[in-house]
Amino acid sequence: MKNNVRKSIAGALQLPSEVALDQVRIILTGQNNMLAENHKGIIEYGRSKIVFRINSGFVEVLGEGLTISSLQSEELAISGEIIAICFVGEDGR
Protein backbone atom coordinates (compact mmCIF):
# COMPACT_ATOMS: atom_id res chain seq x y z
CA MET A 1 0.00 0.00 0.00
CA LYS A 2 2.78 2.42 0.95
CA ASN A 3 4.57 1.78 -2.38
CA ASN A 4 1.34 2.43 -4.31
CA VAL A 5 1.01 5.87 -2.69
CA ARG A 6 4.67 6.61 -3.45
CA LYS A 7 4.18 5.48 -7.08
CA SER A 8 1.18 7.78 -7.43
CA ILE A 9 3.06 10.74 -5.99
CA ALA A 10 6.08 10.00 -8.17
CA GLY A 11 3.87 9.89 -11.25
CA ALA A 12 2.14 13.14 -10.37
CA LEU A 13 5.45 14.91 -9.73
CA GLN A 14 7.15 13.19 -12.68
CA LEU A 15 9.89 11.75 -10.43
CA PRO A 16 11.86 8.63 -11.38
CA SER A 17 10.43 5.57 -9.59
CA GLU A 18 13.80 4.64 -8.03
CA VAL A 19 13.83 7.99 -6.21
CA ALA A 20 10.28 7.74 -4.91
CA LEU A 21 10.53 4.05 -3.97
CA ASP A 22 14.06 4.25 -2.50
CA GLN A 23 15.34 1.65 -4.99
CA VAL A 24 18.88 1.14 -6.22
CA ARG A 25 19.72 2.26 -9.74
CA ILE A 26 22.63 0.46 -11.39
CA ILE A 27 24.30 1.67 -14.56
CA LEU A 28 26.71 -0.77 -16.18
CA THR A 29 29.08 0.52 -18.85
CA GLY A 30 30.58 -2.39 -20.70
CA GLN A 31 32.02 -5.01 -18.40
CA ASN A 32 34.44 -2.71 -16.60
CA ASN A 33 32.48 0.10 -14.92
CA MET A 34 29.42 0.18 -12.70
CA LEU A 35 27.64 3.05 -10.99
CA ALA A 36 25.16 2.31 -8.21
CA GLU A 37 22.91 5.12 -7.03
CA ASN A 38 20.98 5.01 -3.75
CA HIS A 39 23.21 2.46 -1.97
CA LYS A 40 23.15 2.18 1.83
CA GLY A 41 26.81 1.40 2.53
CA ILE A 42 29.64 -1.06 1.86
CA ILE A 43 29.41 -4.47 3.56
CA GLU A 44 32.43 -6.27 2.03
CA TYR A 45 35.29 -5.06 -0.13
CA GLY A 46 37.87 -7.20 -1.91
CA ARG A 47 39.53 -7.46 -5.32
CA SER A 48 37.15 -10.25 -6.41
CA LYS A 49 33.96 -9.32 -4.51
CA ILE A 50 32.25 -6.11 -3.40
CA VAL A 51 29.00 -6.25 -1.44
CA PHE A 52 26.88 -3.21 -0.69
CA ARG A 53 23.57 -2.71 1.06
CA ILE A 54 20.41 -1.56 -0.67
CA ASN A 55 16.95 -0.90 0.72
CA SER A 56 15.72 -4.44 -0.02
CA GLY A 57 18.88 -6.42 0.84
CA PHE A 58 22.35 -6.55 -0.73
CA VAL A 59 24.08 -6.43 -4.10
CA GLU A 60 27.13 -8.62 -4.70
CA VAL A 61 29.50 -7.63 -7.50
CA LEU A 62 31.85 -10.43 -8.52
CA GLY A 63 34.88 -10.01 -10.74
CA GLU A 64 38.62 -9.56 -10.98
CA GLY A 65 40.66 -6.52 -10.03
CA LEU A 66 37.64 -4.74 -8.57
CA THR A 67 38.18 -1.33 -7.02
CA ILE A 68 35.90 1.34 -5.64
CA SER A 69 36.76 4.28 -7.85
CA SER A 70 34.31 6.67 -6.16
CA LEU A 71 32.28 6.54 -2.97
CA GLN A 72 29.75 9.20 -2.02
CA SER A 73 26.81 9.15 0.36
CA GLU A 74 24.44 7.76 -2.27
CA GLU A 75 26.69 6.90 -5.24
CA LEU A 76 29.19 4.07 -5.56
CA ALA A 77 31.41 3.57 -8.63
CA ILE A 78 33.17 0.23 -9.17
CA SER A 79 35.88 -0.45 -11.75
CA GLY A 80 37.52 -3.70 -12.84
CA GLU A 81 36.42 -6.79 -14.74
CA ILE A 82 32.81 -7.33 -13.63
CA ILE A 83 31.73 -10.94 -14.09
CA ALA A 84 28.41 -11.03 -12.21
CA ILE A 85 25.99 -8.85 -10.28
CA CYS A 86 23.74 -10.66 -7.80
CA PHE A 87 20.79 -9.25 -5.89
CA VAL A 88 20.34 -10.87 -2.46
CA GLY A 89 17.21 -10.24 -0.40
CA GLU A 90 17.14 -9.61 3.34
CA ASP A 91 16.54 -13.34 3.89
CA GLY A 92 19.71 -14.29 1.98
CA ARG A 93 17.95 -15.43 -1.21
C-alpha atoms as a PDB file:
ATOM      1  CA  MET A   1       0.000   0.000   0.000  1.00  0.00           C
ATOM      2  CA  LYS A   2       2.778   2.423   0.948  1.00  0.00           C
ATOM      3  CA  ASN A   3       4.566   1.782  -2.375  1.00  0.00           C
ATOM      4  CA  ASN A   4       1.343   2.428  -4.312  1.00  0.00           C
ATOM      5  CA  VAL A   5       1.014   5.866  -2.690  1.00  0.00           C
ATOM      6  CA  ARG A   6       4.675   6.610  -3.453  1.00  0.00           C
ATOM      7  CA  LYS A   7       4.182   5.485  -7.081  1.00  0.00           C
ATOM      8  CA  SER A   8       1.177   7.777  -7.434  1.00  0.00           C
ATOM      9  CA  ILE A   9       3.056  10.736  -5.989  1.00  0.00           C
ATOM     10  CA  ALA A  10       6.084  10.003  -8.174  1.00  0.00           C
ATOM     11  CA  GLY A  11       3.869   9.890 -11.246  1.00  0.00           C
ATOM     12  CA  ALA A  12       2.144  13.142 -10.372  1.00  0.00           C
ATOM     13  CA  LEU A  13       5.451  14.915  -9.727  1.00  0.00           C
ATOM     14  CA  GLN A  14       7.155  13.186 -12.683  1.00  0.00           C
ATOM     15  CA  LEU A  15       9.885  11.748 -10.434  1.00  0.00           C
ATOM     16  CA  PRO A  16      11.861   8.631 -11.377  1.00  0.00           C
ATOM     17  CA  SER A  17      10.429   5.570  -9.589  1.00  0.00           C
ATOM     18  CA  GLU A  18      13.799   4.644  -8.029  1.00  0.00           C
ATOM     19  CA  VAL A  19      13.826   7.986  -6.212  1.00  0.00           C
ATOM     20  CA  ALA A  20      10.278   7.736  -4.914  1.00  0.00           C
ATOM     21  CA  LEU A  21      10.528   4.049  -3.965  1.00  0.00           C
ATOM     22  CA  ASP A  22      14.056   4.248  -2.501  1.00  0.00           C
ATOM     23  CA  GLN A  23      15.336   1.649  -4.985  1.00  0.00           C
ATOM     24  CA  VAL A  24      18.881   1.143  -6.218  1.00  0.00           C
ATOM     25  CA  ARG A  25      19.717   2.260  -9.742  1.00  0.00           C
ATOM     26  CA  ILE A  26      22.629   0.459 -11.390  1.00  0.00           C
ATOM     27  CA  ILE A  27      24.298   1.675 -14.559  1.00  0.00           C
ATOM     28  CA  LEU A  28      26.706  -0.773 -16.176  1.00  0.00           C
ATOM     29  CA  THR A  29      29.077   0.524 -18.846  1.00  0.00           C
ATOM     30  CA  GLY A  30      30.581  -2.389 -20.704  1.00  0.00           C
ATOM     31  CA  GLN A  31      32.024  -5.012 -18.398  1.00  0.00           C
ATOM     32  CA  ASN A  32      34.437  -2.706 -16.599  1.00  0.00           C
ATOM     33  CA  ASN A  33      32.477   0.097 -14.916  1.00  0.00           C
ATOM     34  CA  MET A  34      29.417   0.179 -12.705  1.00  0.00           C
ATOM     35  CA  LEU A  35      27.644   3.053 -10.990  1.00  0.00           C
ATOM     36  CA  ALA A  36      25.164   2.311  -8.211  1.00  0.00           C
ATOM     37  CA  GLU A  37      22.912   5.118  -7.026  1.00  0.00           C
ATOM     38  CA  ASN A  38      20.980   5.009  -3.754  1.00  0.00           C
ATOM     39  CA  HIS A  39      23.209   2.456  -1.972  1.00  0.00           C
ATOM     40  CA  LYS A  40      23.150   2.184   1.827  1.00  0.00           C
ATOM     41  CA  GLY A  41      26.813   1.395   2.526  1.00  0.00           C
ATOM     42  CA  ILE A  42      29.639  -1.061   1.859  1.00  0.00           C
ATOM     43  CA  ILE A  43      29.414  -4.470   3.556  1.00  0.00           C
ATOM     44  CA  GLU A  44      32.426  -6.271   2.025  1.00  0.00           C
ATOM     45  CA  TYR A  45      35.295  -5.065  -0.128  1.00  0.00           C
ATOM     46  CA  GLY A  46      37.868  -7.197  -1.912  1.00  0.00           C
ATOM     47  CA  ARG A  47      39.528  -7.458  -5.321  1.00  0.00           C
ATOM     48  CA  SER A  48      37.146 -10.250  -6.405  1.00  0.00           C
ATOM     49  CA  LYS A  49      33.959  -9.316  -4.513  1.00  0.00           C
ATOM     50  CA  ILE A  50      32.254  -6.107  -3.403  1.00  0.00           C
ATOM     51  CA  VAL A  51      28.999  -6.248  -1.439  1.00  0.00           C
ATOM     52  CA  PHE A  52      26.878  -3.206  -0.692  1.00  0.00           C
ATOM     53  CA  ARG A  53      23.573  -2.714   1.058  1.00  0.00           C
ATOM     54  CA  ILE A  54      20.411  -1.561  -0.669  1.00  0.00           C
ATOM     55  CA  ASN A  55      16.953  -0.902   0.723  1.00  0.00           C
ATOM     56  CA  SER A  56      15.723  -4.437  -0.024  1.00  0.00           C
ATOM     57  CA  GLY A  57      18.883  -6.422   0.838  1.00  0.00           C
ATOM     58  CA  PHE A  58      22.347  -6.553  -0.729  1.00  0.00           C
ATOM     59  CA  VAL A  59      24.081  -6.429  -4.097  1.00  0.00           C
ATOM     60  CA  GLU A  60      27.134  -8.621  -4.702  1.00  0.00           C
ATOM     61  CA  VAL A  61      29.497  -7.627  -7.500  1.00  0.00           C
ATOM     62  CA  LEU A  62      31.851 -10.431  -8.524  1.00  0.00           C
ATOM     63  CA  GLY A  63      34.878 -10.012 -10.739  1.00  0.00           C
ATOM     64  CA  GLU A  64      38.617  -9.562 -10.982  1.00  0.00           C
ATOM     65  CA  GLY A  65      40.664  -6.522 -10.026  1.00  0.00           C
ATOM     66  CA  LEU A  66      37.635  -4.742  -8.573  1.00  0.00           C
ATOM     67  CA  THR A  67      38.178  -1.328  -7.022  1.00  0.00           C
ATOM     68  CA  ILE A  68      35.904   1.340  -5.642  1.00  0.00           C
ATOM     69  CA  SER A  69      36.760   4.284  -7.853  1.00  0.00           C
ATOM     70  CA  SER A  70      34.315   6.669  -6.164  1.00  0.00           C
ATOM     71  CA  LEU A  71      32.276   6.544  -2.969  1.00  0.00           C
ATOM     72  CA  GLN A  72      29.747   9.197  -2.017  1.00  0.00           C
ATOM     73  CA  SER A  73      26.812   9.146   0.358  1.00  0.00           C
ATOM     74  CA  GLU A  74      24.438   7.758  -2.269  1.00  0.00           C
ATOM     75  CA  GLU A  75      26.693   6.895  -5.236  1.00  0.00           C
ATOM     76  CA  LEU A  76      29.188   4.069  -5.563  1.00  0.00           C
ATOM     77  CA  ALA A  77      31.413   3.570  -8.628  1.00  0.00           C
ATOM     78  CA  ILE A  78      33.166   0.232  -9.172  1.00  0.00           C
ATOM     79  CA  SER A  79      35.885  -0.448 -11.748  1.00  0.00           C
ATOM     80  CA  GLY A  80      37.517  -3.696 -12.835  1.00  0.00           C
ATOM     81  CA  GLU A  81      36.422  -6.785 -14.741  1.00  0.00           C
ATOM     82  CA  ILE A  82      32.811  -7.330 -13.628  1.00  0.00           C
ATOM     83  CA  ILE A  83      31.734 -10.939 -14.093  1.00  0.00           C
ATOM     84  CA  ALA A  84      28.415 -11.035 -12.215  1.00  0.00           C
ATOM     85  CA  ILE A  85      25.992  -8.846 -10.284  1.00  0.00           C
ATOM     86  CA  CYS A  86      23.736 -10.660  -7.798  1.00  0.00           C
ATOM     87  CA  PHE A  87      20.786  -9.253  -5.887  1.00  0.00           C
ATOM     88  CA  VAL A  88      20.341 -10.865  -2.464  1.00  0.00           C
ATOM     89  CA  GLY A  89      17.212 -10.242  -0.398  1.00  0.00           C
ATOM     90  CA  GLU A  90      17.135  -9.607   3.342  1.00  0.00           C
ATOM     91  CA  ASP A  91      16.542 -13.341   3.895  1.00  0.00           C
ATOM     92  CA  GLY A  92      19.711 -14.288   1.980  1.00  0.00           C
ATOM     93  CA  ARG A  93      17.955 -15.429  -1.210  1.00  0.00           C
END
